[in-house]
């Protein structure tokens, strides 16, 4: 894998990562033995909770169209613009 990723590793690093990768693959093989056929897929670990229950909640609001600021007001706050869009310095 190090060769494919074009990563240079010392012999010690190769031994360490090889051992760790072997442990990961062994663990995945153990997980494959677990029968999950009767389980329903899980979509969220948290129960649905609206924000009104004293915390941020995890139920998203419905999308709703609403008005925004007009272009002239927005452009007044821009350090540089061409009346159509913000002008920003080229960064490369």
PDB file of N, CA and C in Angstrom:
ATOM      1  N   UNK A   1       0.823  -1.193   0.000  1.00  0.00           N
ATOM      2  CA  UNK A   1       0.000   0.000   0.000  1.00  0.00           C
ATOM      3  C   UNK A   1       0.866   1.254   0.000  1.00  0.00           C
ATOM      4  N   UNK A   2       1.954   1.217   0.745  1.00  0.00           N
ATOM      5  CA  UNK A   2       2.845   2.376   0.778  1.00  0.00           C
ATOM      6  C   UNK A   2       3.420   2.629  -0.611  1.00  0.00           C
ATOM      7  N   UNK A   3       3.744   1.558  -1.313  1.00  0.00           N
ATOM      8  CA  UNK A   3       4.270   1.700  -2.675  1.00  0.00           C
ATOM      9  C   UNK A   3       3.221   2.333  -3.582  1.00  0.00           C
ATOM     10  N   UNK A   4       1.970   1.868  -3.492  1.00  0.00           N
ATOM     11  CA  UNK A   4       0.907   2.417  -4.334  1.00  0.00           C
ATOM     12  C   UNK A   4       0.637   3.877  -4.011  1.00  0.00           C
ATOM     13  N   UNK A   5       0.751   4.243  -2.736  1.00  0.00           N
ATOM     14  CA  UNK A   5       0.523   5.625  -2.319  1.00  0.00           C
ATOM     15  C   UNK A   5       1.771   6.486  -2.496  1.00  0.00           C
ATOM     16  N   UNK A   6       2.843   5.862  -2.943  1.00  0.00           N
ATOM     17  CA  UNK A   6       4.128   6.551  -3.148  1.00  0.00           C
ATOM     18  C   UNK A   6       4.622   7.217  -1.862  1.00  0.00           C
ATOM     19  N   UNK A   7       4.523   6.450  -0.778  1.00  0.00           N
ATOM     20  CA  UNK A   7       4.989   6.916   0.528  1.00  0.00           C
ATOM     21  C   UNK A   7       6.237   6.118   0.888  1.00  0.00           C
ATOM     22  N   UNK A   8       7.284   6.805   1.272  1.00  0.00           N
ATOM     23  CA  UNK A   8       8.498   6.118   1.713  1.00  0.00           C
ATOM     24  C   UNK A   8       8.401   5.880   3.215  1.00  0.00           C
ATOM     25  N   UNK A   9       8.549   4.613   3.614  1.00  0.00           N
ATOM     26  CA  UNK A   9       8.491   4.248   5.023  1.00  0.00           C
ATOM     27  C   UNK A   9       9.767   3.523   5.413  1.00  0.00           C
ATOM     28  N   UNK A  10      10.182   3.722   6.644  1.00  0.00           N
ATOM     29  CA  UNK A  10      11.346   2.982   7.153  1.00  0.00           C
ATOM     30  C   UNK A  10      10.923   1.537   7.405  1.00  0.00           C
ATOM     31  N   UNK A  11      11.907   0.671   7.605  1.00  0.00           N
ATOM     32  CA  UNK A  11      11.598  -0.734   7.886  1.00  0.00           C
ATOM     33  C   UNK A  11      10.764  -0.864   9.161  1.00  0.00           C
ATOM     34  N   UNK A  12      11.091  -0.044  10.165  1.00  0.00           N
ATOM     35  CA  UNK A  12      10.327  -0.079  11.425  1.00  0.00           C
ATOM     36  C   UNK A  12       8.878   0.359  11.186  1.00  0.00           C
ATOM     37  N   UNK A  13       8.690   1.422  10.406  1.00  0.00           N
ATOM     38  CA  UNK A  13       7.335   1.889  10.095  1.00  0.00           C
ATOM     39  C   UNK A  13       6.566   0.826   9.316  1.00  0.00           C
ATOM     40  N   UNK A  14       7.240   0.172   8.375  1.00  0.00           N
ATOM     41  CA  UNK A  14       6.583  -0.901   7.611  1.00  0.00           C
ATOM     42  C   UNK A  14       6.097  -2.008   8.529  1.00  0.00           C
ATOM     43  N   UNK A  15       6.942  -2.427   9.480  1.00  0.00           N
ATOM     44  CA  UNK A  15       6.538  -3.491  10.417  1.00  0.00           C
ATOM     45  C   UNK A  15       5.344  -3.040  11.260  1.00  0.00           C
ATOM     46  N   UNK A  16       5.420  -1.805  11.779  1.00  0.00           N
ATOM     47  CA  UNK A  16       4.343  -1.282  12.628  1.00  0.00           C
ATOM     48  C   UNK A  16       3.026  -1.216  11.866  1.00  0.00           C
ATOM     49  N   UNK A  17       3.061  -0.615  10.672  1.00  0.00           N
ATOM     50  CA  UNK A  17       1.830  -0.450   9.900  1.00  0.00           C
ATOM     51  C   UNK A  17       1.303  -1.791   9.401  1.00  0.00           C
ATOM     52  N   UNK A  18       2.204  -2.723   9.091  1.00  0.00           N
ATOM     53  CA  UNK A  18       1.767  -4.041   8.644  1.00  0.00           C
ATOM     54  C   UNK A  18       1.017  -4.751   9.775  1.00  0.00           C
ATOM     55  N   UNK A  19       1.541  -4.650  10.989  1.00  0.00           N
ATOM     56  CA  UNK A  19       0.872  -5.249  12.151  1.00  0.00           C
ATOM     57  C   UNK A  19      -0.497  -4.603  12.371  1.00  0.00           C
ATOM     58  N   UNK A  20      -0.543  -3.268  12.300  1.00  0.00           N
ATOM     59  CA  UNK A  20      -1.806  -2.558  12.518  1.00  0.00           C
ATOM     60  C   UNK A  20      -2.820  -2.896  11.438  1.00  0.00           C
ATOM     61  N   UNK A  21      -2.382  -2.953  10.191  1.00  0.00           N
ATOM     62  CA  UNK A  21      -3.298  -3.275   9.100  1.00  0.00           C
ATOM     63  C   UNK A  21      -3.821  -4.697   9.233  1.00  0.00           C
ATOM     64  N   UNK A  22      -2.958  -5.608   9.649  1.00  0.00           N
ATOM     65  CA  UNK A  22      -3.390  -6.990   9.875  1.00  0.00           C
ATOM     66  C   UNK A  22      -4.453  -7.046  10.967  1.00  0.00           C
ATOM     67  N   UNK A  23      -4.265  -6.285  12.048  1.00  0.00           N
ATOM     68  CA  UNK A  23      -5.257  -6.246  13.130  1.00  0.00           C
ATOM     69  C   UNK A  23      -6.594  -5.694  12.634  1.00  0.00           C
ATOM     70  N   UNK A  24      -6.540  -4.672  11.804  1.00  0.00           N
ATOM     71  CA  UNK A  24      -7.768  -4.075  11.267  1.00  0.00           C
ATOM     72  C   UNK A  24      -8.508  -5.087  10.399  1.00  0.00           C
ATOM     73  N   UNK A  25      -7.788  -5.746   9.512  1.00  0.00           N
ATOM     74  CA  UNK A  25      -8.417  -6.736   8.624  1.00  0.00           C
ATOM     75  C   UNK A  25      -8.989  -7.892   9.446  1.00  0.00           C
ATOM     76  N   UNK A  26      -8.261  -8.339  10.460  1.00  0.00           N
ATOM     77  CA  UNK A  26      -8.765  -9.413  11.324  1.00  0.00           C
ATOM     78  C   UNK A  26     -10.054  -8.985  12.023  1.00  0.00           C
ATOM     79  N   UNK A  27     -10.112  -7.741  12.496  1.00  0.00           N
ATOM     80  CA  UNK A  27     -11.306  -7.236  13.178  1.00  0.00           C
ATOM     81  C   UNK A  27     -12.489  -7.156  12.213  1.00  0.00           C
ATOM     82  N   UNK A  28     -12.242  -6.683  11.001  1.00  0.00           N
ATOM     83  CA  UNK A  28     -13.313  -6.614   9.995  1.00  0.00           C
ATOM     84  C   UNK A  28     -13.831  -8.018   9.705  1.00  0.00           C
ATOM     85  N   UNK A  29     -12.952  -8.994   9.636  1.00  0.00           N
ATOM     86  CA  UNK A  29     -13.386 -10.374   9.409  1.00  0.00           C
ATOM     87  C   UNK A  29     -14.222 -10.890  10.566  1.00  0.00           C
ATOM     88  N   UNK A  30     -13.901 -10.471  11.793  1.00  0.00           N
ATOM     89  CA  UNK A  30     -14.725 -10.840  12.948  1.00  0.00           C
ATOM     90  C   UNK A  30     -16.118 -10.222  12.824  1.00  0.00           C
ATOM     91  N   UNK A  31     -16.173  -8.966  12.409  1.00  0.00           N
ATOM     92  CA  UNK A  31     -17.466  -8.291  12.264  1.00  0.00           C
ATOM     93  C   UNK A  31     -18.323  -8.950  11.192  1.00  0.00           C
ATOM     94  N   UNK A  32     -17.700  -9.487  10.161  1.00  0.00           N
ATOM     95  CA  UNK A  32     -18.449 -10.158   9.087  1.00  0.00           C
ATOM     96  C   UNK A  32     -19.182 -11.393   9.598  1.00  0.00           C
ATOM     97  N   UNK A  33     -18.718 -11.966  10.708  1.00  0.00           N
ATOM     98  CA  UNK A  33     -19.339 -13.166  11.271  1.00  0.00           C
ATOM     99  C   UNK A  33     -20.650 -12.865  11.999  1.00  0.00           C
ATOM    100  N   UNK A  34     -20.883 -11.608  12.352  1.00  0.00           N
ATOM    101  CA  UNK A  34     -22.083 -11.232  13.099  1.00  0.00           C
ATOM    102  C   UNK A  34     -23.289 -11.260  12.165  1.00  0.00           C
ATOM    103  N   UNK A  35     -24.352 -11.965  12.592  1.00  0.00           N
ATOM    104  CA  UNK A  35     -25.567 -12.059  11.790  1.00  0.00           C
ATOM    105  C   UNK A  35     -26.421 -10.811  12.020  1.00  0.00           C
ATOM    106  N   UNK A  36     -26.546  -9.988  10.997  1.00  0.00           N
ATOM    107  CA  UNK A  36     -27.321  -8.763  11.100  1.00  0.00           C
ATOM    108  C   UNK A  36     -28.540  -8.795  10.180  1.00  0.00           C
ATOM    109  N   UNK A  37     -28.874  -9.956   9.668  1.00  0.00           N
ATOM    110  CA  UNK A  37     -29.969 -10.077   8.705  1.00  0.00           C
ATOM    111  C   UNK A  37     -31.300  -9.590   9.270  1.00  0.00           C
ATOM    112  N   UNK A  38     -31.531  -9.772  10.562  1.00  0.00           N
ATOM    113  CA  UNK A  38     -32.817  -9.399  11.155  1.00  0.00           C
ATOM    114  C   UNK A  38     -32.855  -7.941  11.609  1.00  0.00           C
ATOM    115  N   UNK A  39     -31.758  -7.217  11.490  1.00  0.00           N
ATOM    116  CA  UNK A  39     -31.717  -5.829  11.936  1.00  0.00           C
ATOM    117  C   UNK A  39     -32.114  -4.872  10.825  1.00  0.00           C
ATOM    118  N   UNK A  40     -32.866  -3.833  11.203  1.00  0.00           N
ATOM    119  CA  UNK A  40     -33.220  -2.805  10.235  1.00  0.00           C
ATOM    120  C   UNK A  40     -32.077  -1.814  10.119  1.00  0.00           C
ATOM    121  N   UNK A  41     -31.857  -1.247   8.939  1.00  0.00           N
ATOM    122  CA  UNK A  41     -30.793  -0.252   8.792  1.00  0.00           C
ATOM    123  C   UNK A  41     -31.043   0.941   9.707  1.00  0.00           C
ATOM    124  N   UNK A  42     -29.979   1.482  10.266  1.00  0.00           N
ATOM    125  CA  UNK A  42     -30.054   2.622  11.156  1.00  0.00           C
ATOM    126  C   UNK A  42     -29.733   3.888  10.370  1.00  0.00           C
ATOM    127  N   UNK A  43     -30.611   4.871  10.450  1.00  0.00           N
ATOM    128  CA  UNK A  43     -30.376   6.108   9.720  1.00  0.00           C
ATOM    129  C   UNK A  43     -29.864   7.222  10.616  1.00  0.00           C
ATOM    130  N   UNK A  44     -30.093   7.123  11.934  1.00  0.00           N
ATOM    131  CA  UNK A  44     -29.664   8.169  12.848  1.00  0.00           C
ATOM    132  C   UNK A  44     -29.513   7.575  14.241  1.00  0.00           C
ATOM    133  N   UNK A  45     -28.410   7.894  14.900  1.00  0.00           N
ATOM    134  CA  UNK A  45     -28.184   7.370  16.245  1.00  0.00           C
ATOM    135  C   UNK A  45     -28.990   8.099  17.307  1.00  0.00           C
ATOM    136  N   UNK A  46     -29.394   9.329  17.012  1.00  0.00           N
ATOM    137  CA  UNK A  46     -30.130  10.139  17.968  1.00  0.00           C
ATOM    138  C   UNK A  46     -31.624  10.086  17.653  1.00  0.00           C
ATOM    139  N   UNK A  47     -32.474  10.010  18.669  1.00  0.00           N
ATOM    140  CA  UNK A  47     -33.908  10.101  18.404  1.00  0.00           C
ATOM    141  C   UNK A  47     -34.258  11.515  17.925  1.00  0.00           C
ATOM    142  N   UNK A  48     -35.295  11.627  17.135  1.00  0.00           N
ATOM    143  CA  UNK A  48     -35.707  12.941  16.633  1.00  0.00           C
ATOM    144  C   UNK A  48     -36.091  13.835  17.813  1.00  0.00           C
ATOM    145  N   UNK A  49     -35.511  15.047  17.860  1.00  0.00           N
ATOM    146  CA  UNK A  49     -35.785  15.977  18.951  1.00  0.00           C
ATOM    147  C   UNK A  49     -35.855  17.391  18.398  1.00  0.00           C
ATOM    148  N   UNK A  50     -37.012  18.025  18.519  1.00  0.00           N
ATOM    149  CA  UNK A  50     -37.094  19.412  18.048  1.00  0.00           C
ATOM    150  C   UNK A  50     -36.289  20.340  18.941  1.00  0.00           C
ATOM    151  N   UNK A  51     -35.911  21.492  18.411  1.00  0.00           N
ATOM    152  CA  UNK A  51     -35.094  22.452  19.141  1.00  0.00           C
ATOM    153  C   UNK A  51     -35.803  22.974  20.389  1.00  0.00           C
ATOM    154  N   UNK A  52     -37.097  22.868  20.464  1.00  0.00           N
ATOM    155  CA  UNK A  52     -37.855  23.419  21.595  1.00  0.00           C
ATOM    156  C   UNK A  52     -37.673  22.616  22.874  1.00  0.00           C
ATOM    157  N   UNK A  53     -36.974  21.493  22.827  1.00  0.00           N
ATOM    158  CA  UNK A  53     -36.798  20.678  24.028  1.00  0.00           C
ATOM    159  C   UNK A  53     -35.572  21.074  24.843  1.00  0.00           C
ATOM    160  N   UNK A  54     -35.138  22.341  24.727  1.00  0.00           N
ATOM    161  CA  UNK A  54     -34.069  22.840  25.570  1.00  0.00           C
ATOM    162  C   UNK A  54     -32.673  22.685  24.997  1.00  0.00           C
ATOM    163  N   UNK A  55     -32.577  22.187  23.795  1.00  0.00           N
ATOM    164  CA  UNK A  55     -31.263  22.091  23.154  1.00  0.00           C
ATOM    165  C   UNK A  55     -31.441  22.363  21.673  1.00  0.00           C
ATOM    166  N   UNK A  56     -30.372  22.286  20.940  1.00  0.00           N
ATOM    167  CA  UNK A  56     -30.406  22.621  19.523  1.00  0.00           C
ATOM    168  C   UNK A  56     -31.324  21.750  18.698  1.00  0.00           C
ATOM    169  N   UNK A  57     -31.582  20.541  19.157  1.00  0.00           N
ATOM    170  CA  UNK A  57     -32.425  19.634  18.397  1.00  0.00           C
ATOM    171  C   UNK A  57     -31.705  19.099  17.178  1.00  0.00           C
ATOM    172  N   UNK A  58     -32.319  18.111  16.540  1.00  0.00           N
ATOM    173  CA  UNK A  58     -31.731  17.564  15.334  1.00  0.00           C
ATOM    174  C   UNK A  58     -32.767  17.453  14.211  1.00  0.00           C
ATOM    175  N   UNK A  59     -33.906  18.065  14.407  1.00  0.00           N
ATOM    176  CA  UNK A  59     -34.932  18.075  13.375  1.00  0.00           C
ATOM    177  C   UNK A  59     -34.757  19.358  12.570  1.00  0.00           C
ATOM    178  N   UNK A  60     -34.526  19.200  11.292  1.00  0.00           N
ATOM    179  CA  UNK A  60     -34.281  20.361  10.444  1.00  0.00           C
ATOM    180  C   UNK A  60     -35.587  21.066  10.109  1.00  0.00           C
ATOM    181  N   UNK A  61     -35.513  22.363   9.922  1.00  0.00           N
ATOM    182  CA  UNK A  61     -36.695  23.134   9.553  1.00  0.00           C
ATOM    183  C   UNK A  61     -37.031  22.857   8.091  1.00  0.00           C
ATOM    184  N   UNK A  62     -38.247  23.144   7.724  1.00  0.00           N
ATOM    185  CA  UNK A  62     -38.657  23.031   6.336  1.00  0.00           C
ATOM    186  C   UNK A  62     -38.024  24.159   5.531  1.00  0.00           C
ATOM    187  N   UNK A  63     -37.637  23.876   4.302  1.00  0.00           N
ATOM    188  CA  UNK A  63     -37.140  24.934   3.433  1.00  0.00           C
ATOM    189  C   UNK A  63     -38.286  25.870   3.108  1.00  0.00           C
ATOM    190  N   UNK A  64     -38.034  27.148   3.224  1.00  0.00           N
ATOM    191  CA  UNK A  64     -39.064  28.128   2.905  1.00  0.00           C
ATOM    192  C   UNK A  64     -38.409  29.311   2.207  1.00  0.00           C
ATOM    193  N   UNK A  65     -39.011  29.749   1.126  1.00  0.00           N
ATOM    194  CA  UNK A  65     -38.492  30.895   0.405  1.00  0.00           C
ATOM    195  C   UNK A  65     -38.785  32.152   1.195  1.00  0.00           C
ATOM    196  N   UNK A  66     -37.799  33.036   1.274  1.00  0.00           N
ATOM    197  CA  UNK A  66     -38.021  34.309   1.942  1.00  0.00           C
ATOM    198  C   UNK A  66     -37.171  35.363   1.240  1.00  0.00           C
ATOM    199  N   UNK A  67     -37.538  36.607   1.443  1.00  0.00           N
ATOM    200  CA  UNK A  67     -36.826  37.680   0.758  1.00  0.00           C
ATOM    201  C   UNK A  67     -35.440  37.873   1.375  1.00  0.00           C
ATOM    202  N   UNK A  68     -34.542  38.433   0.575  1.00  0.00           N
ATOM    203  CA  UNK A  68     -33.198  38.715   1.054  1.00  0.00           C
ATOM    204  C   UNK A  68     -32.891  40.184   0.802  1.00  0.00           C
ATOM    205  N   UNK A  69     -31.703  40.598   1.131  1.00  0.00           N
ATOM    206  CA  UNK A  69     -31.310  41.985   0.923  1.00  0.00           C
ATOM    207  C   UNK A  69     -31.220  42.288  -0.569  1.00  0.00           C
ATOM    208  N   UNK A  70     -31.517  43.517  -0.922  1.00  0.00           N
ATOM    209  CA  UNK A  70     -31.382  43.890  -2.331  1.00  0.00           C
ATOM    210  C   UNK A  70     -29.900  44.065  -2.661  1.00  0.00           C
ATOM    211  N   UNK A  71     -29.558  43.931  -3.923  1.00  0.00           N
ATOM    212  CA  UNK A  71     -28.167  43.969  -4.378  1.00  0.00           C
ATOM    213  C   UNK A  71     -27.465  45.272  -3.990  1.00  0.00           C
ATOM    214  N   UNK A  72     -28.139  46.399  -4.115  1.00  0.00           N
ATOM    215  CA  UNK A  72     -27.517  47.691  -3.818  1.00  0.00           C
ATOM    216  C   UNK A  72     -27.076  47.764  -2.360  1.00  0.00           C
ATOM    217  N   UNK A  73     -27.906  47.314  -1.446  1.00  0.00           N
ATOM    218  CA  UNK A  73     -27.568  47.331  -0.022  1.00  0.00           C
ATOM    219  C   UNK A  73     -26.367  46.435   0.253  1.00  0.00           C
ATOM    220  N   UNK A  74     -26.358  45.264  -0.367  1.00  0.00           N
ATOM    221  CA  UNK A  74     -25.248  44.331  -0.156  1.00  0.00           C
ATOM    222  C   UNK A  74     -23.956  44.912  -0.707  1.00  0.00           C
ATOM    223  N   UNK A  75     -24.011  45.478  -1.897  1.00  0.00           N
ATOM    224  CA  UNK A  75     -22.802  46.020  -2.524  1.00  0.00           C
ATOM    225  C   UNK A  75     -22.236  47.221  -1.775  1.00  0.00           C
ATOM    226  N   UNK A  76     -23.061  47.949  -1.036  1.00  0.00           N
ATOM    227  CA  UNK A  76     -22.573  49.076  -0.239  1.00  0.00           C
ATOM    228  C   UNK A  76     -21.590  48.620   0.831  1.00  0.00           C
ATOM    229  N   UNK A  77     -21.740  47.387   1.292  1.00  0.00           N
ATOM    230  CA  UNK A  77     -20.882  46.850   2.351  1.00  0.00           C
ATOM    231  C   UNK A  77     -19.649  46.138   1.815  1.00  0.00           C
ATOM    232  N   UNK A  78     -19.550  45.969   0.515  1.00  0.00           N
ATOM    233  CA  UNK A  78     -18.412  45.262  -0.075  1.00  0.00           C
ATOM    234  C   UNK A  78     -17.223  46.200  -0.242  1.00  0.00           C
ATOM    235  N   UNK A  79     -16.018  45.773   0.111  1.00  0.00           N
ATOM    236  CA  UNK A  79     -14.852  46.620  -0.074  1.00  0.00           C
ATOM    237  C   UNK A  79     -14.585  46.905  -1.553  1.00  0.00           C
ATOM    238  N   UNK A  80     -14.905  45.955  -2.415  1.00  0.00           N
ATOM    239  CA  UNK A  80     -14.716  46.152  -3.862  1.00  0.00           C
ATOM    240  C   UNK A  80     -15.803  45.375  -4.599  1.00  0.00           C
ATOM    241  N   UNK A  81     -16.409  46.023  -5.583  1.00  0.00           N
ATOM    242  CA  UNK A  81     -17.453  45.359  -6.371  1.00  0.00           C
ATOM    243  C   UNK A  81     -17.552  46.056  -7.715  1.00  0.00           C
ATOM    244  N   UNK A  82     -18.275  45.429  -8.640  1.00  0.00           N
ATOM    245  CA  UNK A  82     -18.488  46.049  -9.955  1.00  0.00           C
ATOM    246  C   UNK A  82     -19.983  46.243 -10.212  1.00  0.00           C
ATOM    247  N   UNK A  83     -20.751  46.452  -9.131  1.00  0.00           N
ATOM    248  CA  UNK A  83     -22.204  46.609  -9.146  1.00  0.00           C
ATOM    249  C   UNK A  83     -22.953  45.323  -9.475  1.00  0.00           C
ATOM    250  N   UNK A  84     -22.236  44.282  -9.794  1.00  0.00           N
ATOM    251  CA  UNK A  84     -22.854  42.992 -10.102  1.00  0.00           C
ATOM    252  C   UNK A  84     -22.408  41.927  -9.103  1.00  0.00           C
ATOM    253  N   UNK A  85     -21.124  41.982  -8.755  1.00  0.00           N
ATOM    254  CA  UNK A  85     -20.549  40.925  -7.922  1.00  0.00           C
ATOM    255  C   UNK A  85     -19.403  41.467  -7.080  1.00  0.00           C
ATOM    256  N   UNK A  86     -19.034  40.697  -6.035  1.00  0.00           N
ATOM    257  CA  UNK A  86     -17.902  41.075  -5.212  1.00  0.00           C
ATOM    258  C   UNK A  86     -16.626  40.877  -6.006  1.00  0.00           C
ATOM    259  N   UNK A  87     -15.673  41.768  -5.822  1.00  0.00           N
ATOM    260  CA  UNK A  87     -14.356  41.639  -6.430  1.00  0.00           C
ATOM    261  C   UNK A  87     -13.370  41.261  -5.324  1.00  0.00           C
ATOM    262  N   UNK A  88     -12.644  40.184  -5.546  1.00  0.00           N
ATOM    263  CA  UNK A  88     -11.697  39.700  -4.553  1.00  0.00           C
ATOM    264  C   UNK A  88     -10.335  39.509  -5.221  1.00  0.00           C
ATOM    265  N   UNK A  89      -9.249  39.638  -4.460  1.00  0.00           N
ATOM    266  CA  UNK A  89      -7.926  39.449  -5.065  1.00  0.00           C
ATOM    267  C   UNK A  89      -7.714  37.988  -5.476  1.00  0.00           C
ATOM    268  N   UNK A  90      -7.000  37.819  -6.555  1.00  0.00           N
ATOM    269  CA  UNK A  90      -6.660  36.484  -7.038  1.00  0.00           C
ATOM    270  C   UNK A  90      -5.624  35.893  -6.095  1.00  0.00           C
ATOM    271  N   UNK A  91      -5.874  34.678  -5.614  1.00  0.00           N
ATOM    272  CA  UNK A  91      -4.947  34.019  -4.686  1.00  0.00           C
ATOM    273  C   UNK A  91      -4.573  32.673  -5.270  1.00  0.00           C
ATOM    274  N   UNK A  92      -3.360  32.593  -5.752  1.00  0.00           N
ATOM    275  CA  UNK A  92      -2.862  31.314  -6.294  1.00  0.00           C
ATOM    276  C   UNK A  92      -1.399  31.196  -5.979  1.00  0.00           C
TER     277      UNK A  92
END
